[in-house]
Amino acid sequence: MITIPPSPDLGKMLTNYIKTNRKYKSGIANWLGIKRSSVQAYLKKPDMKVSTLWRLCHVLNYNFFEEITAQLPPEFTAVTENPLQKRIDELEKQKSDLELQVKTLEKVVELMGRK
């Protein structure tokens, strides 16, 4: 069985953002087209729908998903990473090594031709 750590408390995350950046709950409510009490409820809940968090990101111009991602283990692959990048890097190194070998062989052939 895999041990999964508790999920981040999105209400606290939102509360911290609002306090740190001095945002008004009433302003957020107006931008979202909801009541201030709904925003207040978001602050008390440890989780929320992705669609709600998505809207909050756009209204507040802040990437809460990145903050959540930062709490994941570093070995997790980000969506933006190319899973084949390691292989590409290996092939690029091999290519560089082979180019160096070709240049070296060309020099040897050139020197042997002068004799």
C-alpha atoms as a PDB file:
ATOM      1  CA  MET A   1       0.000   0.000   0.000  1.00  0.00           C
ATOM      2  CA  ILE A   2       1.280   3.454  -0.918  1.00  0.00           C
ATOM      3  CA  THR A   3       1.406   6.116   1.763  1.00  0.00           C
ATOM      4  CA  ILE A   4      -0.017   9.336   0.349  1.00  0.00           C
ATOM      5  CA  PRO A   5       0.607  12.557   2.272  1.00  0.00           C
ATOM      6  CA  PRO A   6      -2.374  14.781   3.041  1.00  0.00           C
ATOM      7  CA  SER A   7      -3.434  17.126   0.288  1.00  0.00           C
ATOM      8  CA  PRO A   8      -2.638  20.833   0.562  1.00  0.00           C
ATOM      9  CA  ASP A   9      -5.265  22.934   2.318  1.00  0.00           C
ATOM     10  CA  LEU A  10      -6.531  25.112  -0.521  1.00  0.00           C
ATOM     11  CA  GLY A  11      -8.559  27.295   1.845  1.00  0.00           C
ATOM     12  CA  LYS A  12      -5.414  28.177   3.788  1.00  0.00           C
ATOM     13  CA  MET A  13      -3.498  28.685   0.569  1.00  0.00           C
ATOM     14  CA  LEU A  14      -6.159  31.116  -0.656  1.00  0.00           C
ATOM     15  CA  THR A  15      -6.313  32.842   2.744  1.00  0.00           C
ATOM     16  CA  ASN A  16      -2.525  33.322   2.750  1.00  0.00           C
ATOM     17  CA  TYR A  17      -2.607  34.735  -0.759  1.00  0.00           C
ATOM     18  CA  ILE A  18      -5.406  37.177   0.096  1.00  0.00           C
ATOM     19  CA  LYS A  19      -3.654  38.374   3.262  1.00  0.00           C
ATOM     20  CA  THR A  20      -0.205  38.616   1.696  1.00  0.00           C
ATOM     21  CA  ASN A  21      -1.441  40.478  -1.368  1.00  0.00           C
ATOM     22  CA  ARG A  22      -4.084  42.525   0.459  1.00  0.00           C
ATOM     23  CA  LYS A  23      -6.996  41.461  -1.697  1.00  0.00           C
ATOM     24  CA  TYR A  24     -10.590  42.151  -0.708  1.00  0.00           C
ATOM     25  CA  LYS A  25     -12.974  39.220  -0.499  1.00  0.00           C
ATOM     26  CA  SER A  26     -15.757  41.448  -1.771  1.00  0.00           C
ATOM     27  CA  GLY A  27     -13.674  42.342  -4.835  1.00  0.00           C
ATOM     28  CA  ILE A  28     -12.931  38.692  -5.527  1.00  0.00           C
ATOM     29  CA  ALA A  29     -16.635  37.909  -5.157  1.00  0.00           C
ATOM     30  CA  ASN A  30     -17.538  40.665  -7.625  1.00  0.00           C
ATOM     31  CA  TRP A  31     -14.985  39.434 -10.164  1.00  0.00           C
ATOM     32  CA  LEU A  32     -16.301  35.882  -9.833  1.00  0.00           C
ATOM     33  CA  GLY A  33     -19.940  36.984  -9.861  1.00  0.00           C
ATOM     34  CA  ILE A  34     -20.689  35.312  -6.518  1.00  0.00           C
ATOM     35  CA  LYS A  35     -21.540  36.423  -2.983  1.00  0.00           C
ATOM     36  CA  ARG A  36     -18.854  37.463  -0.524  1.00  0.00           C
ATOM     37  CA  SER A  37     -20.051  34.683   1.769  1.00  0.00           C
ATOM     38  CA  SER A  38     -19.130  32.161  -0.943  1.00  0.00           C
ATOM     39  CA  VAL A  39     -15.577  33.479  -1.024  1.00  0.00           C
ATOM     40  CA  GLN A  40     -15.537  33.284   2.774  1.00  0.00           C
ATOM     41  CA  ALA A  41     -16.659  29.645   2.511  1.00  0.00           C
ATOM     42  CA  TYR A  42     -13.757  28.895   0.118  1.00  0.00           C
ATOM     43  CA  LEU A  43     -11.339  30.100   2.782  1.00  0.00           C
ATOM     44  CA  LYS A  44     -12.697  27.615   5.314  1.00  0.00           C
ATOM     45  CA  LYS A  45     -12.655  24.547   3.057  1.00  0.00           C
ATOM     46  CA  PRO A  46      -9.490  22.458   2.705  1.00  0.00           C
ATOM     47  CA  ASP A  47     -10.397  21.569  -0.877  1.00  0.00           C
ATOM     48  CA  MET A  48     -12.465  22.820  -3.780  1.00  0.00           C
ATOM     49  CA  LYS A  49     -13.371  21.984  -7.340  1.00  0.00           C
ATOM     50  CA  VAL A  50     -10.659  22.390  -9.929  1.00  0.00           C
ATOM     51  CA  SER A  51     -12.965  24.690 -11.899  1.00  0.00           C
ATOM     52  CA  THR A  52     -13.268  27.003  -8.868  1.00  0.00           C
ATOM     53  CA  LEU A  53      -9.511  27.050  -8.346  1.00  0.00           C
ATOM     54  CA  TRP A  54      -9.044  27.674 -12.062  1.00  0.00           C
ATOM     55  CA  ARG A  55     -11.341  30.711 -11.914  1.00  0.00           C
ATOM     56  CA  LEU A  56      -9.552  32.007  -8.807  1.00  0.00           C
ATOM     57  CA  CYS A  57      -6.208  31.723 -10.635  1.00  0.00           C
ATOM     58  CA  HIS A  58      -7.535  33.897 -13.437  1.00  0.00           C
ATOM     59  CA  VAL A  59      -9.274  36.414 -11.202  1.00  0.00           C
ATOM     60  CA  LEU A  60      -6.261  36.828  -8.916  1.00  0.00           C
ATOM     61  CA  ASN A  61      -3.675  36.432 -11.669  1.00  0.00           C
ATOM     62  CA  TYR A  62      -1.884  33.810  -9.573  1.00  0.00           C
ATOM     63  CA  ASN A  63      -1.018  30.169 -10.332  1.00  0.00           C
ATOM     64  CA  PHE A  64      -2.267  28.144  -7.366  1.00  0.00           C
ATOM     65  CA  PHE A  65      -1.590  24.976  -9.354  1.00  0.00           C
ATOM     66  CA  GLU A  66       2.117  25.794  -9.412  1.00  0.00           C
ATOM     67  CA  GLU A  67       2.047  26.240  -5.641  1.00  0.00           C
ATOM     68  CA  ILE A  68       0.399  22.820  -5.335  1.00  0.00           C
ATOM     69  CA  THR A  69       2.942  21.317  -7.739  1.00  0.00           C
ATOM     70  CA  ALA A  70       5.779  22.636  -5.574  1.00  0.00           C
ATOM     71  CA  GLN A  71       4.487  20.429  -2.758  1.00  0.00           C
ATOM     72  CA  LEU A  72       4.780  17.242  -4.814  1.00  0.00           C
ATOM     73  CA  PRO A  73       7.914  15.073  -4.611  1.00  0.00           C
ATOM     74  CA  PRO A  74      10.671  16.215  -6.976  1.00  0.00           C
ATOM     75  CA  GLU A  75      10.775  12.859  -8.770  1.00  0.00           C
ATOM     76  CA  PHE A  76       7.290  13.474 -10.177  1.00  0.00           C
ATOM     77  CA  THR A  77       7.515  14.420 -13.839  1.00  0.00           C
ATOM     78  CA  ALA A  78       5.934  17.712 -14.746  1.00  0.00           C
ATOM     79  CA  VAL A  79       3.528  17.750 -17.662  1.00  0.00           C
ATOM     80  CA  THR A  80       5.707  20.304 -19.422  1.00  0.00           C
ATOM     81  CA  GLU A  81       8.728  17.992 -19.358  1.00  0.00           C
ATOM     82  CA  ASN A  82       9.357  15.793 -22.353  1.00  0.00           C
ATOM     83  CA  PRO A  83       9.564  12.182 -21.123  1.00  0.00           C
ATOM     84  CA  LEU A  84      11.990  11.434 -23.960  1.00  0.00           C
ATOM     85  CA  GLN A  85      14.321  14.306 -23.054  1.00  0.00           C
ATOM     86  CA  LYS A  86      16.827  12.016 -21.318  1.00  0.00           C
ATOM     87  CA  ARG A  87      17.134   9.894 -24.459  1.00  0.00           C
ATOM     88  CA  ILE A  88      17.439  13.008 -26.621  1.00  0.00           C
ATOM     89  CA  ASP A  89      20.242  14.291 -24.387  1.00  0.00           C
ATOM     90  CA  GLU A  90      22.049  10.930 -24.614  1.00  0.00           C
ATOM     91  CA  LEU A  91      21.799  10.961 -28.407  1.00  0.00           C
ATOM     92  CA  GLU A  92      23.037  14.564 -28.580  1.00  0.00           C
ATOM     93  CA  LYS A  93      26.096  13.566 -26.533  1.00  0.00           C
ATOM     94  CA  GLN A  94      26.729  10.563 -28.781  1.00  0.00           C
ATOM     95  CA  LYS A  95      26.443  12.834 -31.815  1.00  0.00           C
ATOM     96  CA  SER A  96      28.995  15.268 -30.358  1.00  0.00           C
ATOM     97  CA  ASP A  97      31.363  12.400 -29.556  1.00  0.00           C
ATOM     98  CA  LEU A  98      31.030  11.002 -33.085  1.00  0.00           C
ATOM     99  CA  GLU A  99      31.618  14.420 -34.658  1.00  0.00           C
ATOM    100  CA  LEU A 100      34.823  14.737 -32.621  1.00  0.00           C
ATOM    101  CA  GLN A 101      35.942  11.277 -33.750  1.00  0.00           C
ATOM    102  CA  VAL A 102      35.258  12.174 -37.397  1.00  0.00           C
ATOM    103  CA  LYS A 103      37.312  15.377 -37.093  1.00  0.00           C
ATOM    104  CA  THR A 104      40.131  13.438 -35.479  1.00  0.00           C
ATOM    105  CA  LEU A 105      40.077  10.813 -38.242  1.00  0.00           C
ATOM    106  CA  GLU A 106      40.014  13.533 -40.923  1.00  0.00           C
ATOM    107  CA  LYS A 107      43.139  15.071 -39.350  1.00  0.00           C
ATOM    108  CA  VAL A 108      44.859  11.675 -39.264  1.00  0.00           C
ATOM    109  CA  VAL A 109      44.005  11.035 -42.927  1.00  0.00           C
ATOM    110  CA  GLU A 110      45.230  14.535 -43.832  1.00  0.00           C
ATOM    111  CA  LEU A 111      48.525  13.981 -41.991  1.00  0.00           C
ATOM    112  CA  MET A 112      48.999  10.534 -43.549  1.00  0.00           C
ATOM    113  CA  GLY A 113      48.396  11.993 -46.999  1.00  0.00           C
ATOM    114  CA  ARG A 114      51.244  14.472 -46.512  1.00  0.00           C
ATOM    115  CA  LYS A 115      53.821  11.702 -46.015  1.00  0.00           C
END
